[in-house]
Amino acid sequence: MTSAITQDQPTRPPERTTPDNEAQESGVRAEEYLYRDESRLQAGSQLTSRTMARLPALVRRSLQMAWRVDRLATIGLIVCQTGTGILAALGYTRMAIAKIQNGELYSEMGWPA
């Protein structure tokens, strides 16, 4: 025999425990949960000058492969990336000049004007 209370309530499926639920319940932010095994710290500690010396060769190989696959797209990408870098540098320069002229840069840095 069942009571009226159990008959009116729909049965709920069991809640699954996911990493997101665990992180929220324990009060840990999602970013901290993603890196809780400290793999990014290991990656940073394994980065040596010898590994950094390999980067130009890796970039060269990547450009060679891209050139063989699609020359026009490679040229377009290089032009766009160069243009983005130039425009960013000009924007930062203009911002710095404006802040120096207004005297804001010195106050933000804590330097005497």
Protein backbone atom coordinates (compact mmCIF):
# COMPACT_ATOMS: atom_id res chain seq x y z
CA MET A 1 0.00 0.00 0.00
CA THR A 2 1.35 3.40 -0.99
CA SER A 3 0.54 6.77 0.44
CA ALA A 4 -0.83 9.75 -1.45
CA ILE A 5 2.47 11.60 -1.05
CA THR A 6 4.54 9.04 -2.96
CA GLN A 7 1.98 8.74 -5.72
CA ASP A 8 1.87 12.49 -6.48
CA GLN A 9 5.61 13.02 -6.70
CA PRO A 10 7.34 11.99 -9.90
CA THR A 11 10.37 9.83 -9.52
CA ARG A 12 13.62 11.71 -10.06
CA PRO A 13 16.51 10.12 -11.88
CA PRO A 14 19.66 9.86 -9.78
CA GLU A 15 21.94 12.85 -10.10
CA ARG A 16 25.14 12.09 -11.90
CA THR A 17 28.33 13.31 -10.39
CA THR A 18 30.31 15.20 -12.99
CA PRO A 19 33.58 17.06 -12.57
CA ASP A 20 31.67 20.34 -12.84
CA ASN A 21 29.33 19.40 -10.00
CA GLU A 22 32.24 18.26 -7.86
CA ALA A 23 34.10 21.51 -8.43
CA GLN A 24 31.06 23.64 -7.56
CA GLU A 25 30.22 21.63 -4.45
CA SER A 26 33.75 21.79 -3.09
CA GLY A 27 33.98 25.55 -3.63
CA VAL A 28 36.75 25.26 -6.22
CA ARG A 29 36.57 27.44 -9.30
CA ALA A 30 36.37 25.66 -12.67
CA GLU A 31 39.78 26.98 -13.71
CA GLU A 32 41.39 25.49 -10.63
CA TYR A 33 39.65 22.19 -11.22
CA LEU A 34 40.99 21.96 -14.76
CA TYR A 35 44.57 22.30 -13.58
CA ARG A 36 44.41 20.45 -10.30
CA ASP A 37 46.90 17.86 -11.51
CA GLU A 38 49.47 20.65 -12.04
CA SER A 39 50.21 19.53 -15.61
CA ARG A 40 50.73 23.13 -16.67
CA LEU A 41 53.36 23.55 -13.96
CA GLN A 42 55.12 20.43 -15.18
CA ALA A 43 55.04 21.74 -18.74
CA GLY A 44 56.56 25.03 -17.61
CA SER A 45 59.29 23.31 -15.66
CA GLN A 46 60.20 21.13 -18.64
CA LEU A 47 60.64 24.18 -20.87
CA THR A 48 64.37 24.69 -21.30
CA SER A 49 66.50 26.85 -23.56
CA ARG A 50 67.18 23.77 -25.66
CA THR A 51 63.45 23.35 -26.26
CA MET A 52 63.10 27.03 -27.04
CA ALA A 53 65.95 26.74 -29.55
CA ARG A 54 63.85 24.23 -31.51
CA LEU A 55 60.99 26.70 -32.04
CA PRO A 56 62.41 28.45 -35.15
CA ALA A 57 62.86 25.08 -36.86
CA LEU A 58 59.30 24.08 -35.98
CA VAL A 59 57.93 27.36 -37.33
CA ARG A 60 59.97 26.94 -40.51
CA ARG A 61 58.62 23.40 -41.01
CA SER A 62 55.06 24.60 -40.42
CA LEU A 63 55.46 27.39 -42.97
CA GLN A 64 56.94 24.97 -45.51
CA MET A 65 54.00 22.58 -45.09
CA ALA A 66 51.49 25.44 -45.34
CA TRP A 67 53.24 26.75 -48.45
CA ARG A 68 53.02 23.33 -50.11
CA VAL A 69 49.33 22.96 -49.25
CA ASP A 70 48.01 26.42 -50.20
CA ARG A 71 50.32 29.26 -51.16
CA LEU A 72 47.64 31.92 -51.46
CA ALA A 73 46.19 31.19 -48.01
CA THR A 74 49.70 31.20 -46.49
CA ILE A 75 50.46 34.60 -48.00
CA GLY A 76 47.09 35.89 -46.80
CA LEU A 77 47.72 34.63 -43.28
CA ILE A 78 51.19 36.19 -43.13
CA VAL A 79 49.86 39.53 -44.41
CA CYS A 80 46.97 39.52 -41.92
CA GLN A 81 49.18 38.59 -38.97
CA THR A 82 51.74 41.26 -39.90
CA GLY A 83 49.02 43.86 -40.30
CA THR A 84 47.49 42.92 -36.95
CA GLY A 85 50.86 43.28 -35.24
CA ILE A 86 51.53 46.67 -36.84
CA LEU A 87 48.08 48.01 -35.94
CA ALA A 88 48.38 46.76 -32.36
CA ALA A 89 51.78 48.43 -32.00
CA LEU A 90 50.41 51.69 -33.40
CA GLY A 91 47.43 51.55 -31.06
CA TYR A 92 49.60 50.98 -28.00
CA THR A 93 51.93 53.77 -29.09
CA ARG A 94 49.04 56.22 -29.52
CA MET A 95 47.62 55.25 -26.14
CA ALA A 96 50.99 55.75 -24.44
CA ILE A 97 51.46 59.13 -26.14
CA ALA A 98 47.99 60.26 -25.06
CA LYS A 99 48.58 59.14 -21.48
CA ILE A 100 51.95 60.90 -21.36
CA GLN A 101 50.45 64.12 -22.70
CA ASN A 102 47.63 64.01 -20.15
CA GLY A 103 49.97 63.10 -17.32
CA GLU A 104 48.00 59.92 -16.59
CA LEU A 105 50.91 57.57 -17.21
CA TYR A 106 53.01 59.04 -14.44
CA SER A 107 50.20 58.89 -11.90
CA GLU A 108 49.37 55.27 -12.83
CA MET A 109 53.00 54.23 -12.45
CA GLY A 110 53.46 56.19 -9.24
CA TRP A 111 56.20 58.35 -10.75
CA PRO A 112 56.54 62.03 -9.98
CA ALA A 113 55.30 64.19 -12.87
